[in-house]
Amino acid sequence: MTKSEIAKAFSNGEFEKTYDFIAENAEWIVIEEDKFTGKQAIIDNCEKVGSYFKSVTTDFKTLNTIADGNIVVINGTAEFLRDGKRISFVSACDVYEFNDQDNIKTVTSYCIQSK
């Protein structure tokens, strides 16, 4: 997978595809919410988030992918539905920093939930 493909998969909740591409000492910072340090902590949170995604219908839309060297930025939206009704809508931007082995070193996520 390319860095852009890895980033897009992570941003779209296809976490399992990305596990082999997360550095052992990686960090995932969700601005104003949480910080996960280390590959296992990130995977544990991915599993938790993934369980939620499976409990609802998800509609992810990638609006832009910007790649420059070891940095990839993905922005898009996520709509979450249950029984045909919207329960949440999020506009998000994820900034990925990769190391020299093309593994995720840092993810910084900015998530704005619609009111």
PDB file of N, CA and C in Angstrom:
ATOM      1  N   MET A   1       0.836  -1.191   0.000  1.00  0.00           N
ATOM      2  CA  MET A   1       0.000   0.000   0.000  1.00  0.00           C
ATOM      3  C   MET A   1       0.878   1.250   0.000  1.00  0.00           C
ATOM      4  N   THR A   2       0.431   2.260  -0.696  1.00  0.00           N
ATOM      5  CA  THR A   2       1.142   3.540  -0.673  1.00  0.00           C
ATOM      6  C   THR A   2       0.780   4.284   0.612  1.00  0.00           C
ATOM      7  N   LYS A   3       1.533   5.319   0.918  1.00  0.00           N
ATOM      8  CA  LYS A   3       1.230   6.127   2.098  1.00  0.00           C
ATOM      9  C   LYS A   3      -0.173   6.718   1.991  1.00  0.00           C
ATOM     10  N   SER A   4      -0.544   7.188   0.820  1.00  0.00           N
ATOM     11  CA  SER A   4      -1.890   7.752   0.637  1.00  0.00           C
ATOM     12  C   SER A   4      -2.970   6.696   0.849  1.00  0.00           C
ATOM     13  N   GLU A   5      -2.743   5.484   0.371  1.00  0.00           N
ATOM     14  CA  GLU A   5      -3.714   4.402   0.556  1.00  0.00           C
ATOM     15  C   GLU A   5      -3.842   4.011   2.029  1.00  0.00           C
ATOM     16  N   ILE A   6      -2.711   3.978   2.726  1.00  0.00           N
ATOM     17  CA  ILE A   6      -2.725   3.671   4.158  1.00  0.00           C
ATOM     18  C   ILE A   6      -3.530   4.734   4.901  1.00  0.00           C
ATOM     19  N   ALA A   7      -3.234   5.998   4.606  1.00  0.00           N
ATOM     20  CA  ALA A   7      -3.916   7.103   5.280  1.00  0.00           C
ATOM     21  C   ALA A   7      -5.416   7.073   4.994  1.00  0.00           C
ATOM     22  N   LYS A   8      -5.783   6.869   3.748  1.00  0.00           N
ATOM     23  CA  LYS A   8      -7.201   6.845   3.387  1.00  0.00           C
ATOM     24  C   LYS A   8      -7.923   5.697   4.093  1.00  0.00           C
ATOM     25  N   ALA A   9      -7.304   4.539   4.139  1.00  0.00           N
ATOM     26  CA  ALA A   9      -7.918   3.390   4.817  1.00  0.00           C
ATOM     27  C   ALA A   9      -8.137   3.709   6.302  1.00  0.00           C
ATOM     28  N   PHE A  10      -7.142   4.277   6.954  1.00  0.00           N
ATOM     29  CA  PHE A  10      -7.267   4.626   8.379  1.00  0.00           C
ATOM     30  C   PHE A  10      -8.380   5.650   8.560  1.00  0.00           C
ATOM     31  N   SER A  11      -8.373   6.709   7.742  1.00  0.00           N
ATOM     32  CA  SER A  11      -9.378   7.769   7.868  1.00  0.00           C
ATOM     33  C   SER A  11     -10.790   7.261   7.613  1.00  0.00           C
ATOM     34  N   ASN A  12     -10.924   6.240   6.784  1.00  0.00           N
ATOM     35  CA  ASN A  12     -12.241   5.691   6.461  1.00  0.00           C
ATOM     36  C   ASN A  12     -12.634   4.505   7.337  1.00  0.00           C
ATOM     37  N   GLY A  13     -11.898   4.309   8.425  1.00  0.00           N
ATOM     38  CA  GLY A  13     -12.269   3.272   9.381  1.00  0.00           C
ATOM     39  C   GLY A  13     -11.920   1.858   8.980  1.00  0.00           C
ATOM     40  N   GLU A  14     -11.095   1.703   7.944  1.00  0.00           N
ATOM     41  CA  GLU A  14     -10.639   0.366   7.523  1.00  0.00           C
ATOM     42  C   GLU A  14      -9.319   0.076   8.252  1.00  0.00           C
ATOM     43  N   PHE A  15      -9.396   0.113   9.572  1.00  0.00           N
ATOM     44  CA  PHE A  15      -8.203   0.083  10.410  1.00  0.00           C
ATOM     45  C   PHE A  15      -7.349  -1.167  10.220  1.00  0.00           C
ATOM     46  N   GLU A  16      -7.998  -2.335  10.087  1.00  0.00           N
ATOM     47  CA  GLU A  16      -7.245  -3.593  10.007  1.00  0.00           C
ATOM     48  C   GLU A  16      -6.220  -3.570   8.881  1.00  0.00           C
ATOM     49  N   LYS A  17      -6.554  -2.896   7.788  1.00  0.00           N
ATOM     50  CA  LYS A  17      -5.640  -2.813   6.647  1.00  0.00           C
ATOM     51  C   LYS A  17      -4.359  -2.043   6.987  1.00  0.00           C
ATOM     52  N   THR A  18      -4.396  -1.253   8.048  1.00  0.00           N
ATOM     53  CA  THR A  18      -3.276  -0.349   8.351  1.00  0.00           C
ATOM     54  C   THR A  18      -2.371  -0.839   9.473  1.00  0.00           C
ATOM     55  N   TYR A  19      -2.781  -1.858  10.194  1.00  0.00           N
ATOM     56  CA  TYR A  19      -2.033  -2.282  11.391  1.00  0.00           C
ATOM     57  C   TYR A  19      -0.562  -2.581  11.112  1.00  0.00           C
ATOM     58  N   ASP A  20      -0.273  -3.184   9.981  1.00  0.00           N
ATOM     59  CA  ASP A  20       1.119  -3.515   9.643  1.00  0.00           C
ATOM     60  C   ASP A  20       1.941  -2.274   9.316  1.00  0.00           C
ATOM     61  N   PHE A  21       1.285  -1.141   9.175  1.00  0.00           N
ATOM     62  CA  PHE A  21       1.965   0.093   8.774  1.00  0.00           C
ATOM     63  C   PHE A  21       1.988   1.140   9.888  1.00  0.00           C
ATOM     64  N   ILE A  22       1.794   0.692  11.131  1.00  0.00           N
ATOM     65  CA  ILE A  22       1.860   1.593  12.283  1.00  0.00           C
ATOM     66  C   ILE A  22       3.169   1.321  13.017  1.00  0.00           C
ATOM     67  N   ALA A  23       3.979   2.358  13.192  1.00  0.00           N
ATOM     68  CA  ALA A  23       5.254   2.215  13.898  1.00  0.00           C
ATOM     69  C   ALA A  23       4.991   1.866  15.373  1.00  0.00           C
ATOM     70  N   GLU A  24       5.915   1.141  15.983  1.00  0.00           N
ATOM     71  CA  GLU A  24       5.770   0.726  17.388  1.00  0.00           C
ATOM     72  C   GLU A  24       5.595   1.923  18.322  1.00  0.00           C
ATOM     73  N   ASN A  25       6.281   3.022  18.041  1.00  0.00           N
ATOM     74  CA  ASN A  25       6.251   4.193  18.925  1.00  0.00           C
ATOM     75  C   ASN A  25       5.326   5.305  18.395  1.00  0.00           C
ATOM     76  N   ALA A  26       4.364   4.922  17.567  1.00  0.00           N
ATOM     77  CA  ALA A  26       3.469   5.901  16.941  1.00  0.00           C
ATOM     78  C   ALA A  26       2.574   6.582  17.979  1.00  0.00           C
ATOM     79  N   GLU A  27       2.048   7.749  17.575  1.00  0.00           N
ATOM     80  CA  GLU A  27       1.082   8.473  18.392  1.00  0.00           C
ATOM     81  C   GLU A  27      -0.123   8.842  17.539  1.00  0.00           C
ATOM     82  N   TRP A  28      -1.298   8.772  18.159  1.00  0.00           N
ATOM     83  CA  TRP A  28      -2.531   9.233  17.524  1.00  0.00           C
ATOM     84  C   TRP A  28      -3.127  10.277  18.449  1.00  0.00           C
ATOM     85  N   ILE A  29      -3.141  11.493  17.987  1.00  0.00           N
ATOM     86  CA  ILE A  29      -3.638  12.602  18.773  1.00  0.00           C
ATOM     87  C   ILE A  29      -4.976  13.032  18.177  1.00  0.00           C
ATOM     88  N   VAL A  30      -6.037  12.930  18.959  1.00  0.00           N
ATOM     89  CA  VAL A  30      -7.354  13.397  18.544  1.00  0.00           C
ATOM     90  C   VAL A  30      -7.550  14.726  19.286  1.00  0.00           C
ATOM     91  N   ILE A  31      -7.429  15.816  18.555  1.00  0.00           N
ATOM     92  CA  ILE A  31      -7.427  17.147  19.149  1.00  0.00           C
ATOM     93  C   ILE A  31      -8.663  17.364  20.017  1.00  0.00           C
ATOM     94  N   GLU A  32      -8.417  17.873  21.223  1.00  0.00           N
ATOM     95  CA  GLU A  32      -9.463  18.186  22.212  1.00  0.00           C
ATOM     96  C   GLU A  32     -10.192  16.954  22.744  1.00  0.00           C
ATOM     97  N   GLU A  33      -9.657  15.745  22.435  1.00  0.00           N
ATOM     98  CA  GLU A  33     -10.341  14.542  22.908  1.00  0.00           C
ATOM     99  C   GLU A  33      -9.417  13.566  23.619  1.00  0.00           C
ATOM    100  N   ASP A  34      -8.357  13.095  22.924  1.00  0.00           N
ATOM    101  CA  ASP A  34      -7.559  12.016  23.492  1.00  0.00           C
ATOM    102  C   ASP A  34      -6.213  11.903  22.793  1.00  0.00           C
ATOM    103  N   LYS A  35      -5.336  11.093  23.366  1.00  0.00           N
ATOM    104  CA  LYS A  35      -4.018  10.813  22.773  1.00  0.00           C
ATOM    105  C   LYS A  35      -3.693   9.352  23.063  1.00  0.00           C
ATOM    106  N   PHE A  36      -3.258   8.639  22.017  1.00  0.00           N
ATOM    107  CA  PHE A  36      -2.908   7.227  22.144  1.00  0.00           C
ATOM    108  C   PHE A  36      -1.439   7.081  21.760  1.00  0.00           C
ATOM    109  N   THR A  37      -0.653   6.524  22.653  1.00  0.00           N
ATOM    110  CA  THR A  37       0.783   6.412  22.437  1.00  0.00           C
ATOM    111  C   THR A  37       1.172   4.944  22.336  1.00  0.00           C
ATOM    112  N   GLY A  38       1.845   4.589  21.247  1.00  0.00           N
ATOM    113  CA  GLY A  38       2.288   3.218  21.022  1.00  0.00           C
ATOM    114  C   GLY A  38       1.328   2.473  20.111  1.00  0.00           C
ATOM    115  N   LYS A  39       1.900   1.576  19.318  1.00  0.00           N
ATOM    116  CA  LYS A  39       1.121   0.826  18.330  1.00  0.00           C
ATOM    117  C   LYS A  39      -0.055   0.092  18.964  1.00  0.00           C
ATOM    118  N   GLN A  40       0.168  -0.586  20.094  1.00  0.00           N
ATOM    119  CA  GLN A  40      -0.905  -1.376  20.695  1.00  0.00           C
ATOM    120  C   GLN A  40      -2.035  -0.488  21.200  1.00  0.00           C
ATOM    121  N   ALA A  41      -1.709   0.661  21.773  1.00  0.00           N
ATOM    122  CA  ALA A  41      -2.758   1.583  22.244  1.00  0.00           C
ATOM    123  C   ALA A  41      -3.592   2.091  21.068  1.00  0.00           C
ATOM    124  N   ILE A  42      -2.929   2.347  19.954  1.00  0.00           N
ATOM    125  CA  ILE A  42      -3.642   2.803  18.763  1.00  0.00           C
ATOM    126  C   ILE A  42      -4.553   1.693  18.233  1.00  0.00           C
ATOM    127  N   ILE A  43      -4.024   0.475  18.147  1.00  0.00           N
ATOM    128  CA  ILE A  43      -4.830  -0.657  17.668  1.00  0.00           C
ATOM    129  C   ILE A  43      -6.016  -0.893  18.600  1.00  0.00           C
ATOM    130  N   ASP A  44      -5.791  -0.811  19.917  1.00  0.00           N
ATOM    131  CA  ASP A  44      -6.886  -1.010  20.870  1.00  0.00           C
ATOM    132  C   ASP A  44      -7.987   0.020  20.636  1.00  0.00           C
ATOM    133  N   ASN A  45      -7.614   1.275  20.394  1.00  0.00           N
ATOM    134  CA  ASN A  45      -8.625   2.298  20.138  1.00  0.00           C
ATOM    135  C   ASN A  45      -9.305   2.061  18.791  1.00  0.00           C
ATOM    136  N   CYS A  46      -8.537   1.634  17.801  1.00  0.00           N
ATOM    137  CA  CYS A  46      -9.125   1.309  16.492  1.00  0.00           C
ATOM    138  C   CYS A  46     -10.186   0.222  16.634  1.00  0.00           C
ATOM    139  N   GLU A  47      -9.908  -0.782  17.441  1.00  0.00           N
ATOM    140  CA  GLU A  47     -10.863  -1.871  17.653  1.00  0.00           C
ATOM    141  C   GLU A  47     -12.135  -1.343  18.315  1.00  0.00           C
ATOM    142  N   LYS A  48     -11.979  -0.444  19.278  1.00  0.00           N
ATOM    143  CA  LYS A  48     -13.126   0.159  19.966  1.00  0.00           C
ATOM    144  C   LYS A  48     -13.965   0.984  18.985  1.00  0.00           C
ATOM    145  N   VAL A  49     -13.298   1.836  18.221  1.00  0.00           N
ATOM    146  CA  VAL A  49     -13.992   2.674  17.236  1.00  0.00           C
ATOM    147  C   VAL A  49     -14.623   1.797  16.158  1.00  0.00           C
ATOM    148  N   GLY A  50     -13.896   0.780  15.723  1.00  0.00           N
ATOM    149  CA  GLY A  50     -14.404  -0.143  14.707  1.00  0.00           C
ATOM    150  C   GLY A  50     -15.664  -0.856  15.155  1.00  0.00           C
ATOM    151  N   SER A  51     -15.752  -1.203  16.431  1.00  0.00           N
ATOM    152  CA  SER A  51     -16.961  -1.842  16.965  1.00  0.00           C
ATOM    153  C   SER A  51     -18.148  -0.897  16.855  1.00  0.00           C
ATOM    154  N   TYR A  52     -17.913   0.374  17.153  1.00  0.00           N
ATOM    155  CA  TYR A  52     -18.986   1.363  17.006  1.00  0.00           C
ATOM    156  C   TYR A  52     -19.415   1.459  15.544  1.00  0.00           C
ATOM    157  N   PHE A  53     -18.429   1.528  14.639  1.00  0.00           N
ATOM    158  CA  PHE A  53     -18.746   1.633  13.208  1.00  0.00           C
ATOM    159  C   PHE A  53     -19.610   0.465  12.749  1.00  0.00           C
ATOM    160  N   LYS A  54     -19.394  -0.712  13.338  1.00  0.00           N
ATOM    161  CA  LYS A  54     -20.175  -1.887  12.947  1.00  0.00           C
ATOM    162  C   LYS A  54     -21.588  -1.850  13.503  1.00  0.00           C
ATOM    163  N   SER A  55     -21.822  -1.004  14.515  1.00  0.00           N
ATOM    164  CA  SER A  55     -23.147  -0.923  15.135  1.00  0.00           C
ATOM    165  C   SER A  55     -24.056   0.081  14.425  1.00  0.00           C
ATOM    166  N   VAL A  56     -23.502   0.804  13.460  1.00  0.00           N
ATOM    167  CA  VAL A  56     -24.254   1.818  12.720  1.00  0.00           C
ATOM    168  C   VAL A  56     -23.958   1.653  11.231  1.00  0.00           C
ATOM    169  N   THR A  57     -24.726   2.349  10.423  1.00  0.00           N
ATOM    170  CA  THR A  57     -24.415   2.429   9.001  1.00  0.00           C
ATOM    171  C   THR A  57     -23.519   3.652   8.822  1.00  0.00           C
ATOM    172  N   THR A  58     -22.401   3.474   8.153  1.00  0.00           N
ATOM    173  CA  THR A  58     -21.447   4.572   7.986  1.00  0.00           C
ATOM    174  C   THR A  58     -21.372   4.989   6.523  1.00  0.00           C
ATOM    175  N   ASP A  59     -21.208   6.280   6.338  1.00  0.00           N
ATOM    176  CA  ASP A  59     -21.006   6.816   4.992  1.00  0.00           C
ATOM    177  C   ASP A  59     -19.826   7.785   5.056  1.00  0.00           C
ATOM    178  N   PHE A  60     -18.658   7.284   4.657  1.00  0.00           N
ATOM    179  CA  PHE A  60     -17.441   8.092   4.655  1.00  0.00           C
ATOM    180  C   PHE A  60     -17.255   8.700   3.265  1.00  0.00           C
ATOM    181  N   LYS A  61     -16.918   9.964   3.231  1.00  0.00           N
ATOM    182  CA  LYS A  61     -16.603  10.622   1.969  1.00  0.00           C
ATOM    183  C   LYS A  61     -15.249  11.307   2.111  1.00  0.00           C
ATOM    184  N   THR A  62     -14.304  10.937   1.249  1.00  0.00           N
ATOM    185  CA  THR A  62     -13.014  11.602   1.214  1.00  0.00           C
ATOM    186  C   THR A  62     -13.125  12.765   0.244  1.00  0.00           C
ATOM    187  N   LEU A  63     -12.858  13.959   0.731  1.00  0.00           N
ATOM    188  CA  LEU A  63     -12.951  15.154  -0.103  1.00  0.00           C
ATOM    189  C   LEU A  63     -11.612  15.493  -0.745  1.00  0.00           C
ATOM    190  N   ASN A  64     -10.535  15.382   0.029  1.00  0.00           N
ATOM    191  CA  ASN A  64      -9.201  15.708  -0.485  1.00  0.00           C
ATOM    192  C   ASN A  64      -8.153  14.796   0.121  1.00  0.00           C
ATOM    193  N   THR A  65      -7.161  14.476  -0.681  1.00  0.00           N
ATOM    194  CA  THR A  65      -5.960  13.787  -0.224  1.00  0.00           C
ATOM    195  C   THR A  65      -4.782  14.609  -0.719  1.00  0.00           C
ATOM    196  N   ILE A  66      -3.957  15.048   0.206  1.00  0.00           N
ATOM    197  CA  ILE A  66      -2.773  15.842  -0.138  1.00  0.00           C
ATOM    198  C   ILE A  66      -1.557  15.088   0.387  1.00  0.00           C
ATOM    199  N   ALA A  67      -0.619  14.804  -0.488  1.00  0.00           N
ATOM    200  CA  ALA A  67       0.586  14.074  -0.095  1.00  0.00           C
ATOM    201  C   ALA A  67       1.822  14.865  -0.504  1.00  0.00           C
ATOM    202  N   ASP A  68       2.766  14.962   0.431  1.00  0.00           N
ATOM    203  CA  ASP A  68       4.037  15.639   0.162  1.00  0.00           C
ATOM    204  C   ASP A  68       5.110  14.959   0.997  1.00  0.00           C
ATOM    205  N   GLY A  69       5.958  14.170   0.353  1.00  0.00           N
ATOM    206  CA  GLY A  69       7.006  13.463   1.077  1.00  0.00           C
ATOM    207  C   GLY A  69       6.411  12.491   2.080  1.00  0.00           C
ATOM    208  N   ASN A  70       6.772  12.659   3.354  1.00  0.00           N
ATOM    209  CA  ASN A  70       6.299  11.765   4.413  1.00  0.00           C
ATOM    210  C   ASN A  70       5.026  12.258   5.098  1.00  0.00           C
ATOM    211  N   ILE A  71       4.360  13.248   4.511  1.00  0.00           N
ATOM    212  CA  ILE A  71       3.127  13.795   5.088  1.00  0.00           C
ATOM    213  C   ILE A  71       1.960  13.514   4.133  1.00  0.00           C
ATOM    214  N   VAL A  72       0.869  13.018   4.694  1.00  0.00           N
ATOM    215  CA  VAL A  72      -0.367  12.836   3.933  1.00  0.00           C
ATOM    216  C   VAL A  72      -1.493  13.456   4.760  1.00  0.00           C
ATOM    217  N   VAL A  73      -2.333  14.235   4.101  1.00  0.00           N
ATOM    218  CA  VAL A  73      -3.482  14.861   4.758  1.00  0.00           C
ATOM    219  C   VAL A  73      -4.746  14.392   4.050  1.00  0.00           C
ATOM    220  N   ILE A  74      -5.698  13.937   4.844  1.00  0.00           N
ATOM    221  CA  ILE A  74      -6.995  13.486   4.321  1.00  0.00           C
ATOM    222  C   ILE A  74      -8.069  14.325   5.002  1.00  0.00           C
ATOM    223  N   ASN A  75      -8.953  14.908   4.211  1.00  0.00           N
ATOM    224  CA  ASN A  75     -10.117  15.522   4.849  1.00  0.00           C
ATOM    225  C   ASN A  75     -11.371  14.981   4.195  1.00  0.00           C
ATOM    226  N   GLY A  76     -12.408  14.915   5.007  1.00  0.00           N
ATOM    227  CA  GLY A  76     -13.661  14.375   4.508  1.00  0.00           C
ATOM    228  C   GLY A  76     -14.740  14.438   5.554  1.00  0.00           C
ATOM    229  N   THR A  77     -15.797  13.674   5.309  1.00  0.00           N
ATOM    230  CA  THR A  77     -16.924  13.640   6.218  1.00  0.00           C
ATOM    231  C   THR A  77     -17.296  12.201   6.541  1.00  0.00           C
ATOM    232  N   ALA A  78     -18.007  12.055   7.643  1.00  0.00           N
ATOM    233  CA  ALA A  78     -18.529  10.751   8.040  1.00  0.00           C
ATOM    234  C   ALA A  78     -19.941  10.955   8.566  1.00  0.00           C
ATOM    235  N   GLU A  79     -20.865  10.206   7.992  1.00  0.00           N
ATOM    236  CA  GLU A  79     -22.245  10.240   8.467  1.00  0.00           C
ATOM    237  C   GLU A  79     -22.553   8.882   9.080  1.00  0.00           C
ATOM    238  N   PHE A  80     -23.187   8.907  10.243  1.00  0.00           N
ATOM    239  CA  PHE A  80     -23.526   7.683  10.957  1.00  0.00           C
ATOM    240  C   PHE A  80     -25.041   7.605  11.096  1.00  0.00           C
ATOM    241  N   LEU A  81     -25.599   6.488  10.632  1.00  0.00           N
ATOM    242  CA  LEU A  81     -27.048   6.294  10.617  1.00  0.00           C
ATOM    243  C   LEU A  81     -27.425   5.050  11.413  1.00  0.00           C
ATOM    244  N   ARG A  82     -28.577   5.120  12.061  1.00  0.00           N
ATOM    245  CA  ARG A  82     -29.139   3.941  12.717  1.00  0.00           C
ATOM    246  C   ARG A  82     -30.631   3.938  12.407  1.00  0.00           C
ATOM    247  N   ASP A  83     -31.108   2.830  11.895  1.00  0.00           N
ATOM    248  CA  ASP A  83     -32.511   2.707  11.495  1.00  0.00           C
ATOM    249  C   ASP A  83     -32.902   3.815  10.519  1.00  0.00           C
ATOM    250  N   GLY A  84     -31.993   4.147   9.611  1.00  0.00           N
ATOM    251  CA  GLY A  84     -32.262   5.134   8.580  1.00  0.00           C
ATOM    252  C   GLY A  84     -32.228   6.585   9.049  1.00  0.00           C
ATOM    253  N   LYS A  85     -31.907   6.812  10.323  1.00  0.00           N
ATOM    254  CA  LYS A  85     -31.874   8.171  10.855  1.00  0.00           C
ATOM    255  C   LYS A  85     -30.436   8.570  11.204  1.00  0.00           C
ATOM    256  N   ARG A  86     -30.085   9.802  10.844  1.00  0.00           N
ATOM    257  CA  ARG A  86     -28.748  10.309  11.163  1.00  0.00           C
ATOM    258  C   ARG A  86     -28.602  10.466  12.677  1.00  0.00           C
ATOM    259  N   ILE A  87     -27.549   9.852  13.206  1.00  0.00           N
ATOM    260  CA  ILE A  87     -27.264  10.038  14.630  1.00  0.00           C
ATOM    261  C   ILE A  87     -26.026  10.901  14.840  1.00  0.00           C
ATOM    262  N   SER A  88     -25.225  11.043  13.775  1.00  0.00           N
ATOM    263  CA  SER A  88     -24.030  11.873  13.902  1.00  0.00           C
ATOM    264  C   SER A  88     -23.485  12.204  12.517  1.00  0.00           C
ATOM    265  N   PHE A  89     -22.889  13.383  12.420  1.00  0.00           N
ATOM    266  CA  PHE A  89     -22.217  13.797  11.193  1.00  0.00           C
ATOM    267  C   PHE A  89     -20.942  14.524  11.601  1.00  0.00           C
ATOM    268  N   VAL A  90     -19.816  14.090  11.053  1.00  0.00           N
ATOM    269  CA  VAL A  90     -18.520  14.631  11.445  1.00  0.00           C
ATOM    270  C   VAL A  90     -17.769  15.103  10.205  1.00  0.00           C
ATOM    271  N   SER A  91     -17.206  16.296  10.300  1.00  0.00           N
ATOM    272  CA  SER A  91     -16.247  16.782   9.305  1.00  0.00           C
ATOM    273  C   SER A  91     -14.877  16.586   9.935  1.00  0.00           C
ATOM    274  N   ALA A  92     -13.962  15.995   9.178  1.00  0.00           N
ATOM    275  CA  ALA A  92     -12.682  15.632   9.784  1.00  0.00           C
ATOM    276  C   ALA A  92     -11.507  15.929   8.860  1.00  0.00           C
ATOM    277  N   CYS A  93     -10.365  16.100   9.497  1.00  0.00           N
ATOM    278  CA  CYS A  93      -9.096  16.231   8.794  1.00  0.00           C
ATOM    279  C   CYS A  93      -8.063  15.452   9.587  1.00  0.00           C
ATOM    280  N   ASP A  94      -7.386  14.527   8.928  1.00  0.00           N
ATOM    281  CA  ASP A  94      -6.331  13.727   9.559  1.00  0.00           C
ATOM    282  C   ASP A  94      -5.002  14.050   8.886  1.00  0.00           C
ATOM    283  N   VAL A  95      -4.010  14.359   9.709  1.00  0.00           N
ATOM    284  CA  VAL A  95      -2.664  14.634   9.221  1.00  0.00           C
ATOM    285  C   VAL A  95      -1.780  13.464   9.634  1.00  0.00           C
ATOM    286  N   TYR A  96      -1.200  12.790   8.637  1.00  0.00           N
ATOM    287  CA  TYR A  96      -0.355  11.619   8.867  1.00  0.00           C
ATOM    288  C   TYR A  96       1.099  11.984   8.624  1.00  0.00           C
ATOM    289  N   GLU A  97       1.942  11.569   9.555  1.00  0.00           N
ATOM    290  CA  GLU A  97       3.382  11.708   9.386  1.00  0.00           C
ATOM    291  C   GLU A  97       3.954  10.296   9.349  1.00  0.00           C
ATOM    292  N   PHE A  98       4.678   9.988   8.301  1.00  0.00           N
ATOM    293  CA  PHE A  98       5.273   8.661   8.134  1.00  0.00           C
ATOM    294  C   PHE A  98       6.767   8.718   8.425  1.00  0.00           C
ATOM    295  N   ASN A  99       7.312   7.594   8.912  1.00  0.00           N
ATOM    296  CA  ASN A  99       8.759   7.517   9.119  1.00  0.00           C
ATOM    297  C   ASN A  99       9.438   7.054   7.825  1.00  0.00           C
ATOM    298  N   ASP A 100      10.739   6.847   7.878  1.00  0.00           N
ATOM    299  CA  ASP A 100      11.497   6.471   6.684  1.00  0.00           C
ATOM    300  C   ASP A 100      11.209   5.046   6.204  1.00  0.00           C
ATOM    301  N   GLN A 101      10.508   4.248   7.022  1.00  0.00           N
ATOM    302  CA  GLN A 101      10.105   2.902   6.613  1.00  0.00           C
ATOM    303  C   GLN A 101       8.665   2.896   6.077  1.00  0.00           C
ATOM    304  N   ASP A 102       8.113   4.081   5.832  1.00  0.00           N
ATOM    305  CA  ASP A 102       6.738   4.247   5.342  1.00  0.00           C
ATOM    306  C   ASP A 102       5.690   3.721   6.315  1.00  0.00           C
ATOM    307  N   ASN A 103       6.003   3.807   7.605  1.00  0.00           N
ATOM    308  CA  ASN A 103       5.050   3.457   8.651  1.00  0.00           C
ATOM    309  C   ASN A 103       4.531   4.739   9.295  1.00  0.00           C
ATOM    310  N   ILE A 104       3.285   4.686   9.755  1.00  0.00           N
ATOM    311  CA  ILE A 104       2.699   5.845  10.428  1.00  0.00           C
ATOM    312  C   ILE A 104       3.465   6.123  11.707  1.00  0.00           C
ATOM    313  N   LYS A 105       3.948   7.364  11.820  1.00  0.00           N
ATOM    314  CA  LYS A 105       4.643   7.818  13.026  1.00  0.00           C
ATOM    315  C   LYS A 105       3.691   8.630  13.905  1.00  0.00           C
ATOM    316  N   THR A 106       2.883   9.474  13.271  1.00  0.00           N
ATOM    317  CA  THR A 106       1.931  10.319  13.997  1.00  0.00           C
ATOM    318  C   THR A 106       0.663  10.512  13.168  1.00  0.00           C
ATOM    319  N   VAL A 107      -0.465  10.437  13.832  1.00  0.00           N
ATOM    320  CA  VAL A 107      -1.741  10.829  13.243  1.00  0.00           C
ATOM    321  C   VAL A 107      -2.291  11.938  14.130  1.00  0.00           C
ATOM    322  N   THR A 108      -2.621  13.057  13.523  1.00  0.00           N
ATOM    323  CA  THR A 108      -3.298  14.129  14.246  1.00  0.00           C
ATOM    324  C   THR A 108      -4.665  14.290  13.617  1.00  0.00           C
ATOM    325  N   SER A 109      -5.713  14.059  14.409  1.00  0.00           N
ATOM    326  CA  SER A 109      -7.081  14.087  13.902  1.00  0.00           C
ATOM    327  C   SER A 109      -7.832  15.284  14.453  1.00  0.00           C
ATOM    328  N   TYR A 110      -8.456  15.994  13.541  1.00  0.00           N
ATOM    329  CA  TYR A 110      -9.325  17.115  13.878  1.00  0.00           C
ATOM    330  C   TYR A 110     -10.737  16.706  13.479  1.00  0.00           C
ATOM    331  N   CYS A 111     -11.633  16.591  14.434  1.00  0.00           N
ATOM    332  CA  CYS A 111     -12.990  16.128  14.162  1.00  0.00           C
ATOM    333  C   CYS A 111     -13.990  17.156  14.686  1.00  0.00           C
ATOM    334  N   ILE A 112     -14.855  17.612  13.802  1.00  0.00           N
ATOM    335  CA  ILE A 112     -15.880  18.588  14.177  1.00  0.00           C
ATOM    336  C   ILE A 112     -17.238  17.929  13.976  1.00  0.00           C
ATOM    337  N   GLN A 113     -17.958  17.759  15.068  1.00  0.00           N
ATOM    338  CA  GLN A 113     -19.266  17.129  14.989  1.00  0.00           C
ATOM    339  C   GLN A 113     -20.330  18.198  14.762  1.00  0.00           C
ATOM    340  N   SER A 114     -21.214  17.935  13.799  1.00  0.00           N
ATOM    341  CA  SER A 114     -22.309  18.859  13.523  1.00  0.00           C
ATOM    342  C   SER A 114     -23.294  18.855  14.678  1.00  0.00           C
ATOM    343  N   LYS A 115     -23.903  20.003  14.882  1.00  0.00           N
ATOM    344  CA  LYS A 115     -24.877  20.109  15.973  1.00  0.00           C
ATOM    345  C   LYS A 115     -26.237  19.701  15.504  1.00  0.00           C
TER     346      LYS A 115
END
